[in-house]
Amino acid sequence: MQASPYVLPKPLGTLLSCLPLYPGSLMFVAGLNLALAKSLAPDVRESLLGRKLRLRVTDAQLTFDFELLDGRFSACQNKEAADLTISASAYDFLLLARRQEDPDTLFFSRRLAMEGDTELGLLVKNTIDAIELPVFDLEALKPAQVLARLKARLASR
């Protein structure tokens, strides 16, 4: 895989790799359910049902295993090969989430890899491309921004 413009320092990746995987997968699917679960077409839900998916953040040495059950994504502890594994650096996943980079560009520059069921990989990619998602904005996570939104919510009650 060709290096992205930014990768986490190896000592940080090694430290992150010491974190238990399952709690990370739980947090990941919570965000995935908020962002995607209700937007999936019925045929996509059917195709994803029970399929083991894995997201690998290469430089952080983190892996998130999940599957779709009962219309929602669920974390799973998958010791075997997943039906589909998508791998990239943390920076490249951030670029994808912020819609600053196209998955095809990352794939053809060898910065994004898909392993496993090719048809499932195309289904996932095309589904994400077709869904109109808000751009992931890191500014919105700054403490001052979060507190301002919370204050506004409390004032409106």
N, C-alpha and C. Protein backbone atom coordinates (compact mmCIF):
# COMPACT_ATOMS: atom_id res chain seq x y z
N MET A 1 0.84 -1.18 0.00
CA MET A 1 0.00 0.00 0.00
C MET A 1 0.89 1.25 0.00
N GLN A 2 0.65 2.14 -0.90
CA GLN A 2 1.43 3.38 -0.97
C GLN A 2 1.09 4.24 0.25
N ALA A 3 2.08 4.90 0.79
CA ALA A 3 1.88 5.71 1.99
C ALA A 3 0.99 6.90 1.68
N SER A 4 0.11 7.22 2.64
CA SER A 4 -0.70 8.42 2.50
C SER A 4 0.14 9.61 2.96
N PRO A 5 -0.31 10.83 2.68
CA PRO A 5 0.47 12.01 3.07
C PRO A 5 0.71 12.08 4.58
N TYR A 6 -0.15 11.46 5.34
CA TYR A 6 0.02 11.48 6.78
C TYR A 6 -0.31 10.11 7.34
N VAL A 7 0.57 9.58 8.16
CA VAL A 7 0.29 8.35 8.89
C VAL A 7 0.63 8.59 10.36
N LEU A 8 -0.06 7.90 11.21
CA LEU A 8 0.22 8.02 12.64
C LEU A 8 1.63 7.51 12.92
N PRO A 9 2.32 8.13 13.84
CA PRO A 9 3.66 7.64 14.21
C PRO A 9 3.57 6.19 14.71
N LYS A 10 4.54 5.39 14.34
CA LYS A 10 4.53 3.97 14.69
C LYS A 10 4.36 3.73 16.20
N PRO A 11 5.02 4.49 17.10
CA PRO A 11 4.80 4.25 18.53
C PRO A 11 3.33 4.46 18.94
N LEU A 12 2.66 5.45 18.33
CA LEU A 12 1.25 5.69 18.64
C LEU A 12 0.40 4.53 18.13
N GLY A 13 0.69 4.04 16.93
CA GLY A 13 -0.02 2.88 16.39
C GLY A 13 0.16 1.66 17.26
N THR A 14 1.38 1.46 17.75
CA THR A 14 1.66 0.33 18.64
C THR A 14 0.87 0.47 19.94
N LEU A 15 0.82 1.67 20.48
CA LEU A 15 0.05 1.92 21.70
C LEU A 15 -1.44 1.66 21.46
N LEU A 16 -1.98 2.15 20.35
CA LEU A 16 -3.41 1.96 20.04
C LEU A 16 -3.73 0.48 19.82
N SER A 17 -2.77 -0.28 19.32
CA SER A 17 -3.01 -1.70 19.07
C SER A 17 -3.21 -2.48 20.37
N CYS A 18 -2.83 -1.89 21.49
CA CYS A 18 -3.00 -2.55 22.79
C CYS A 18 -4.43 -2.43 23.33
N LEU A 19 -5.22 -1.55 22.71
CA LEU A 19 -6.61 -1.38 23.16
C LEU A 19 -7.42 -2.62 22.82
N PRO A 20 -8.37 -2.99 23.68
CA PRO A 20 -9.23 -4.13 23.35
C PRO A 20 -10.10 -3.80 22.14
N LEU A 21 -10.29 -4.76 21.24
CA LEU A 21 -10.96 -4.50 19.97
C LEU A 21 -12.47 -4.36 20.09
N TYR A 22 -13.10 -5.19 20.91
CA TYR A 22 -14.56 -5.21 20.93
C TYR A 22 -15.19 -3.89 21.37
N PRO A 23 -14.71 -3.23 22.43
CA PRO A 23 -15.31 -1.93 22.77
C PRO A 23 -15.19 -0.91 21.65
N GLY A 24 -14.09 -0.94 20.92
CA GLY A 24 -13.93 -0.04 19.78
C GLY A 24 -14.96 -0.33 18.71
N SER A 25 -15.21 -1.61 18.47
CA SER A 25 -16.23 -2.00 17.49
C SER A 25 -17.61 -1.54 17.94
N LEU A 26 -17.88 -1.60 19.23
CA LEU A 26 -19.18 -1.12 19.75
C LEU A 26 -19.36 0.36 19.48
N MET A 27 -18.31 1.15 19.73
CA MET A 27 -18.40 2.59 19.48
C MET A 27 -18.52 2.87 17.98
N PHE A 28 -17.80 2.12 17.17
CA PHE A 28 -17.86 2.31 15.73
C PHE A 28 -19.26 2.04 15.20
N VAL A 29 -19.88 0.93 15.62
CA VAL A 29 -21.22 0.62 15.10
C VAL A 29 -22.27 1.60 15.62
N ALA A 30 -22.05 2.18 16.79
CA ALA A 30 -22.99 3.20 17.28
C ALA A 30 -23.01 4.37 16.30
N GLY A 31 -21.84 4.82 15.87
CA GLY A 31 -21.77 5.90 14.88
C GLY A 31 -22.31 5.47 13.53
N LEU A 32 -22.02 4.26 13.14
CA LEU A 32 -22.49 3.74 11.86
C LEU A 32 -24.01 3.66 11.84
N ASN A 33 -24.60 3.23 12.94
CA ASN A 33 -26.06 3.16 13.02
C ASN A 33 -26.69 4.55 12.94
N LEU A 34 -26.08 5.52 13.59
CA LEU A 34 -26.60 6.89 13.51
C LEU A 34 -26.51 7.44 12.10
N ALA A 35 -25.41 7.15 11.42
CA ALA A 35 -25.17 7.74 10.10
C ALA A 35 -25.83 6.97 8.96
N LEU A 36 -25.88 5.64 9.04
CA LEU A 36 -26.26 4.85 7.87
C LEU A 36 -27.46 3.94 8.01
N ALA A 37 -27.68 3.36 9.15
CA ALA A 37 -28.63 2.25 9.26
C ALA A 37 -30.00 2.55 8.66
N LYS A 38 -30.54 3.73 8.90
CA LYS A 38 -31.88 4.05 8.41
C LYS A 38 -31.88 4.41 6.92
N SER A 39 -30.71 4.67 6.36
CA SER A 39 -30.60 5.08 4.96
C SER A 39 -30.44 3.92 4.00
N LEU A 40 -30.27 2.72 4.51
CA LEU A 40 -30.02 1.58 3.65
C LEU A 40 -31.30 1.10 2.97
N ALA A 41 -31.22 0.88 1.67
CA ALA A 41 -32.35 0.34 0.91
C ALA A 41 -32.61 -1.11 1.34
N PRO A 42 -33.84 -1.58 1.23
CA PRO A 42 -34.17 -2.96 1.64
C PRO A 42 -33.30 -4.02 0.96
N ASP A 43 -32.99 -3.86 -0.34
CA ASP A 43 -32.16 -4.86 -1.01
C ASP A 43 -30.73 -4.86 -0.49
N VAL A 44 -30.24 -3.69 -0.09
CA VAL A 44 -28.90 -3.61 0.49
C VAL A 44 -28.90 -4.28 1.86
N ARG A 45 -29.93 -4.01 2.66
CA ARG A 45 -30.04 -4.66 3.98
C ARG A 45 -30.01 -6.18 3.83
N GLU A 46 -30.76 -6.68 2.86
CA GLU A 46 -30.82 -8.12 2.64
C GLU A 46 -29.46 -8.69 2.25
N SER A 47 -28.74 -7.95 1.38
CA SER A 47 -27.42 -8.41 0.94
C SER A 47 -26.38 -8.38 2.06
N LEU A 48 -26.53 -7.44 3.00
CA LEU A 48 -25.57 -7.30 4.10
C LEU A 48 -25.91 -8.19 5.30
N LEU A 49 -27.13 -8.67 5.36
CA LEU A 49 -27.61 -9.41 6.52
C LEU A 49 -26.68 -10.57 6.89
N GLY A 50 -26.13 -10.49 8.10
CA GLY A 50 -25.28 -11.55 8.63
C GLY A 50 -23.89 -11.64 8.03
N ARG A 51 -23.55 -10.75 7.11
CA ARG A 51 -22.21 -10.77 6.51
C ARG A 51 -21.22 -10.12 7.46
N LYS A 52 -20.10 -10.73 7.64
CA LYS A 52 -19.05 -10.21 8.53
C LYS A 52 -18.21 -9.18 7.79
N LEU A 53 -18.18 -7.97 8.35
CA LEU A 53 -17.41 -6.88 7.75
C LEU A 53 -16.32 -6.46 8.72
N ARG A 54 -15.20 -6.02 8.16
CA ARG A 54 -14.07 -5.59 8.99
C ARG A 54 -13.50 -4.31 8.41
N LEU A 55 -13.28 -3.35 9.29
CA LEU A 55 -12.62 -2.10 8.92
C LEU A 55 -11.28 -2.11 9.63
N ARG A 56 -10.20 -2.01 8.85
CA ARG A 56 -8.85 -2.03 9.43
C ARG A 56 -8.20 -0.67 9.23
N VAL A 57 -7.82 -0.04 10.34
CA VAL A 57 -7.10 1.23 10.29
C VAL A 57 -5.63 0.86 10.43
N THR A 58 -4.95 0.87 9.30
CA THR A 58 -3.62 0.26 9.22
C THR A 58 -2.59 0.92 10.13
N ASP A 59 -2.51 2.24 10.12
CA ASP A 59 -1.47 2.90 10.91
C ASP A 59 -1.79 2.92 12.39
N ALA A 60 -3.06 2.85 12.76
CA ALA A 60 -3.45 2.80 14.16
C ALA A 60 -3.49 1.37 14.68
N GLN A 61 -3.33 0.42 13.77
CA GLN A 61 -3.37 -1.00 14.11
C GLN A 61 -4.66 -1.36 14.84
N LEU A 62 -5.77 -0.78 14.37
CA LEU A 62 -7.09 -1.05 14.95
C LEU A 62 -7.94 -1.79 13.94
N THR A 63 -8.80 -2.66 14.46
CA THR A 63 -9.71 -3.42 13.62
C THR A 63 -11.10 -3.35 14.24
N PHE A 64 -12.08 -3.06 13.41
CA PHE A 64 -13.47 -3.03 13.86
C PHE A 64 -14.24 -4.10 13.10
N ASP A 65 -14.79 -5.08 13.82
CA ASP A 65 -15.58 -6.15 13.22
C ASP A 65 -17.05 -5.89 13.51
N PHE A 66 -17.88 -6.03 12.46
CA PHE A 66 -19.31 -5.77 12.64
C PHE A 66 -20.11 -6.51 11.58
N GLU A 67 -21.41 -6.56 11.79
CA GLU A 67 -22.33 -7.19 10.86
C GLU A 67 -23.69 -6.51 10.97
N LEU A 68 -24.55 -6.74 10.01
CA LEU A 68 -25.89 -6.19 10.04
C LEU A 68 -26.84 -7.28 10.54
N LEU A 69 -27.53 -7.00 11.62
CA LEU A 69 -28.52 -7.92 12.20
C LEU A 69 -29.77 -7.13 12.56
N ASP A 70 -30.91 -7.63 12.17
CA ASP A 70 -32.19 -6.98 12.50
C ASP A 70 -32.21 -5.50 12.10
N GLY A 71 -31.63 -5.16 10.97
CA GLY A 71 -31.67 -3.81 10.45
C GLY A 71 -30.70 -2.82 11.10
N ARG A 72 -29.84 -3.31 11.99
CA ARG A 72 -28.86 -2.44 12.65
C ARG A 72 -27.50 -3.11 12.61
N PHE A 73 -26.47 -2.27 12.59
CA PHE A 73 -25.12 -2.81 12.65
C PHE A 73 -24.81 -3.22 14.08
N SER A 74 -24.16 -4.36 14.22
CA SER A 74 -23.80 -4.88 15.54
C SER A 74 -22.33 -5.24 15.55
N ALA A 75 -21.67 -4.92 16.64
CA ALA A 75 -20.27 -5.31 16.81
C ALA A 75 -20.22 -6.82 16.96
N CYS A 76 -19.17 -7.42 16.46
CA CYS A 76 -19.00 -8.86 16.65
C CYS A 76 -17.52 -9.15 16.90
N GLN A 77 -17.27 -10.26 17.50
CA GLN A 77 -15.90 -10.70 17.73
C GLN A 77 -15.62 -11.79 16.71
N ASN A 78 -15.03 -11.39 15.61
CA ASN A 78 -14.82 -12.28 14.48
C ASN A 78 -13.36 -12.72 14.45
N LYS A 79 -13.11 -13.95 14.82
CA LYS A 79 -11.73 -14.47 14.85
C LYS A 79 -11.29 -14.96 13.47
N GLU A 80 -12.25 -15.18 12.57
CA GLU A 80 -11.93 -15.70 11.24
C GLU A 80 -11.83 -14.57 10.23
N ALA A 81 -11.56 -14.92 9.00
CA ALA A 81 -11.54 -13.92 7.92
C ALA A 81 -12.94 -13.36 7.75
N ALA A 82 -13.03 -12.06 7.54
CA ALA A 82 -14.32 -11.41 7.33
C ALA A 82 -14.75 -11.63 5.88
N ASP A 83 -16.05 -11.47 5.61
CA ASP A 83 -16.52 -11.54 4.24
C ASP A 83 -15.93 -10.39 3.42
N LEU A 84 -15.73 -9.24 4.07
CA LEU A 84 -15.13 -8.08 3.41
C LEU A 84 -14.29 -7.33 4.43
N THR A 85 -13.06 -7.03 4.07
CA THR A 85 -12.17 -6.21 4.89
C THR A 85 -11.78 -4.98 4.08
N ILE A 86 -12.01 -3.81 4.68
CA ILE A 86 -11.63 -2.54 4.06
C ILE A 86 -10.51 -1.96 4.91
N SER A 87 -9.37 -1.65 4.28
CA SER A 87 -8.20 -1.17 5.00
C SER A 87 -7.71 0.15 4.43
N ALA A 88 -7.32 1.05 5.33
CA ALA A 88 -6.71 2.33 4.96
C ALA A 88 -6.10 2.93 6.21
N SER A 89 -5.36 4.02 6.04
CA SER A 89 -4.81 4.73 7.21
C SER A 89 -5.93 5.57 7.84
N ALA A 90 -5.71 5.99 9.06
CA ALA A 90 -6.68 6.85 9.76
C ALA A 90 -6.91 8.13 8.96
N TYR A 91 -5.85 8.69 8.42
CA TYR A 91 -5.96 9.92 7.63
C TYR A 91 -6.83 9.71 6.39
N ASP A 92 -6.63 8.60 5.69
CA ASP A 92 -7.42 8.34 4.49
C ASP A 92 -8.89 8.09 4.83
N PHE A 93 -9.17 7.41 5.94
CA PHE A 93 -10.57 7.23 6.35
C PHE A 93 -11.19 8.59 6.69
N LEU A 94 -10.41 9.47 7.31
CA LEU A 94 -10.90 10.81 7.62
C LEU A 94 -11.20 11.57 6.33
N LEU A 95 -10.32 11.46 5.33
CA LEU A 95 -10.57 12.11 4.05
C LEU A 95 -11.86 11.59 3.41
N LEU A 96 -12.10 10.30 3.51
CA LEU A 96 -13.34 9.72 2.97
C LEU A 96 -14.55 10.25 3.72
N ALA A 97 -14.47 10.29 5.04
CA ALA A 97 -15.59 10.76 5.86
C ALA A 97 -15.90 12.22 5.60
N ARG A 98 -14.87 13.01 5.32
CA ARG A 98 -15.07 14.44 5.06
C ARG A 98 -15.36 14.72 3.59
N ARG A 99 -15.44 13.65 2.78
CA ARG A 99 -15.71 13.76 1.34
C ARG A 99 -14.65 14.60 0.63
N GLN A 100 -13.42 14.53 1.13
CA GLN A 100 -12.31 15.25 0.51
C GLN A 100 -11.55 14.36 -0.46
N GLU A 101 -11.85 13.09 -0.44
CA GLU A 101 -11.18 12.15 -1.34
C GLU A 101 -12.19 11.11 -1.78
N ASP A 102 -12.05 10.69 -3.01
CA ASP A 102 -12.94 9.70 -3.60
C ASP A 102 -12.39 8.30 -3.31
N PRO A 103 -13.25 7.33 -2.96
CA PRO A 103 -12.74 5.98 -2.68
C PRO A 103 -12.02 5.36 -3.87
N ASP A 104 -12.48 5.64 -5.08
CA ASP A 104 -11.81 5.08 -6.26
C ASP A 104 -10.39 5.60 -6.39
N THR A 105 -10.20 6.88 -6.12
CA THR A 105 -8.86 7.48 -6.19
C THR A 105 -7.93 6.81 -5.18
N LEU A 106 -8.43 6.64 -3.95
CA LEU A 106 -7.62 5.99 -2.92
C LEU A 106 -7.34 4.53 -3.28
N PHE A 107 -8.33 3.86 -3.84
CA PHE A 107 -8.16 2.46 -4.21
C PHE A 107 -7.10 2.31 -5.30
N PHE A 108 -7.21 3.12 -6.35
CA PHE A 108 -6.27 2.99 -7.46
C PHE A 108 -4.87 3.51 -7.12
N SER A 109 -4.76 4.33 -6.08
CA SER A 109 -3.43 4.75 -5.62
C SER A 109 -2.91 3.83 -4.51
N ARG A 110 -3.61 2.74 -4.29
CA ARG A 110 -3.24 1.69 -3.32
C ARG A 110 -3.21 2.19 -1.87
N ARG A 111 -4.03 3.19 -1.59
CA ARG A 111 -4.14 3.69 -0.22
C ARG A 111 -5.37 3.15 0.48
N LEU A 112 -6.28 2.53 -0.28
CA LEU A 112 -7.48 1.88 0.25
C LEU A 112 -7.50 0.48 -0.34
N ALA A 113 -7.67 -0.51 0.51
CA ALA A 113 -7.69 -1.90 0.03
C ALA A 113 -8.99 -2.57 0.45
N MET A 114 -9.50 -3.40 -0.44
CA MET A 114 -10.67 -4.23 -0.14
C MET A 114 -10.26 -5.67 -0.39
N GLU A 115 -10.52 -6.51 0.61
CA GLU A 115 -10.19 -7.92 0.50
C GLU A 115 -11.43 -8.73 0.82
N GLY A 116 -11.59 -9.83 0.10
CA GLY A 116 -12.73 -10.70 0.35
C GLY A 116 -13.70 -10.69 -0.81
N ASP A 117 -14.96 -10.69 -0.51
CA ASP A 117 -16.04 -10.77 -1.50
C ASP A 117 -16.10 -9.48 -2.32
N THR A 118 -15.66 -9.56 -3.57
CA THR A 118 -15.61 -8.38 -4.45
C THR A 118 -17.00 -7.79 -4.67
N GLU A 119 -17.98 -8.64 -4.88
CA GLU A 119 -19.35 -8.17 -5.10
C GLU A 119 -19.86 -7.41 -3.88
N LEU A 120 -19.57 -7.93 -2.69
CA LEU A 120 -19.96 -7.25 -1.45
C LEU A 120 -19.23 -5.92 -1.33
N GLY A 121 -17.96 -5.87 -1.70
CA GLY A 121 -17.19 -4.64 -1.66
C GLY A 121 -17.78 -3.57 -2.56
N LEU A 122 -18.18 -3.96 -3.76
CA LEU A 122 -18.81 -3.01 -4.68
C LEU A 122 -20.16 -2.54 -4.16
N LEU A 123 -20.90 -3.44 -3.54
CA LEU A 123 -22.19 -3.07 -2.96
C LEU A 123 -21.99 -2.02 -1.86
N VAL A 124 -21.03 -2.24 -0.98
CA VAL A 124 -20.76 -1.31 0.11
C VAL A 124 -20.31 0.04 -0.45
N LYS A 125 -19.37 0.03 -1.38
CA LYS A 125 -18.87 1.26 -1.97
C LYS A 125 -19.97 2.04 -2.67
N ASN A 126 -20.76 1.36 -3.50
CA ASN A 126 -21.83 2.03 -4.24
C ASN A 126 -22.93 2.54 -3.31
N THR A 127 -23.20 1.82 -2.24
CA THR A 127 -24.21 2.26 -1.28
C THR A 127 -23.75 3.52 -0.58
N ILE A 128 -22.52 3.56 -0.14
CA ILE A 128 -22.00 4.75 0.54
C ILE A 128 -21.96 5.93 -0.42
N ASP A 129 -21.57 5.69 -1.67
CA ASP A 129 -21.54 6.76 -2.67
C ASP A 129 -22.94 7.32 -2.92
N ALA A 130 -23.96 6.47 -2.88
CA ALA A 130 -25.32 6.88 -3.22
C ALA A 130 -26.03 7.61 -2.08
N ILE A 131 -25.60 7.39 -0.85
CA ILE A 131 -26.25 8.00 0.30
C ILE A 131 -25.72 9.41 0.50
N GLU A 132 -26.64 10.34 0.63
CA GLU A 132 -26.25 11.73 0.90
C GLU A 132 -26.02 11.88 2.40
N LEU A 133 -24.77 11.87 2.78
CA LEU A 133 -24.40 12.02 4.18
C LEU A 133 -23.84 13.41 4.41
N PRO A 134 -24.06 13.94 5.61
CA PRO A 134 -23.39 15.22 5.91
C PRO A 134 -21.88 14.99 5.99
N VAL A 135 -21.14 16.00 5.64
CA VAL A 135 -19.69 15.92 5.71
C VAL A 135 -19.27 15.89 7.17
N PHE A 136 -18.37 14.98 7.50
CA PHE A 136 -17.86 14.87 8.86
C PHE A 136 -16.99 16.09 9.15
N ASP A 137 -17.40 16.87 10.13
CA ASP A 137 -16.73 18.13 10.44
C ASP A 137 -16.06 18.04 11.80
N LEU A 138 -14.73 18.03 11.82
CA LEU A 138 -13.99 17.95 13.08
C LEU A 138 -14.21 19.18 13.94
N GLU A 139 -14.48 20.33 13.31
CA GLU A 139 -14.72 21.57 14.07
C GLU A 139 -15.91 21.40 15.02
N ALA A 140 -16.89 20.62 14.60
CA ALA A 140 -18.09 20.43 15.41
C ALA A 140 -17.79 19.67 16.70
N LEU A 141 -16.64 19.01 16.77
CA LEU A 141 -16.29 18.24 17.97
C LEU A 141 -15.45 19.02 18.97
N LYS A 142 -15.08 20.25 18.63
CA LYS A 142 -14.32 21.06 19.57
C LYS A 142 -15.19 21.33 20.80
N PRO A 143 -14.59 21.30 21.98
CA PRO A 143 -15.38 21.49 23.21
C PRO A 143 -16.24 22.75 23.19
N ALA A 144 -15.73 23.84 22.68
CA ALA A 144 -16.52 25.08 22.66
C ALA A 144 -17.77 24.91 21.79
N GLN A 145 -17.63 24.21 20.67
CA GLN A 145 -18.77 23.97 19.78
C GLN A 145 -19.80 23.06 20.43
N VAL A 146 -19.32 22.00 21.07
CA VAL A 146 -20.22 21.05 21.74
C VAL A 146 -20.97 21.76 22.87
N LEU A 147 -20.26 22.54 23.66
CA LEU A 147 -20.91 23.27 24.76
C LEU A 147 -21.92 24.29 24.25
N ALA A 148 -21.61 24.96 23.15
CA ALA A 148 -22.53 25.94 22.58
C ALA A 148 -23.82 25.26 22.12
N ARG A 149 -23.71 24.08 21.49
CA ARG A 149 -24.90 23.35 21.06
C ARG A 149 -25.71 22.88 22.25
N LEU A 150 -25.03 22.41 23.27
CA LEU A 150 -25.71 21.95 24.47
C LEU A 150 -26.43 23.12 25.15
N LYS A 151 -25.77 24.25 25.24
CA LYS A 151 -26.38 25.44 25.84
C LYS A 151 -27.63 25.86 25.06
N ALA A 152 -27.54 25.84 23.73
CA ALA A 152 -28.69 26.21 22.89
C ALA A 152 -29.86 25.24 23.09
N ARG A 153 -29.56 23.96 23.20
CA ARG A 153 -30.61 22.97 23.43
C ARG A 153 -31.30 23.19 24.78
N LEU A 154 -30.49 23.43 25.79
CA LEU A 154 -31.05 23.64 27.13
C LEU A 154 -31.87 24.93 27.18
N ALA A 155 -31.45 25.95 26.47
CA ALA A 155 -32.16 27.24 26.46
C ALA A 155 -33.50 27.10 25.73
N SER A 156 -33.60 26.19 24.77
CA SER A 156 -34.83 26.05 24.01
C SER A 156 -35.89 25.23 24.74
N ARG A 157 -35.54 24.66 25.85
CA ARG A 157 -36.51 23.84 26.62
C ARG A 157 -37.35 24.65 27.52
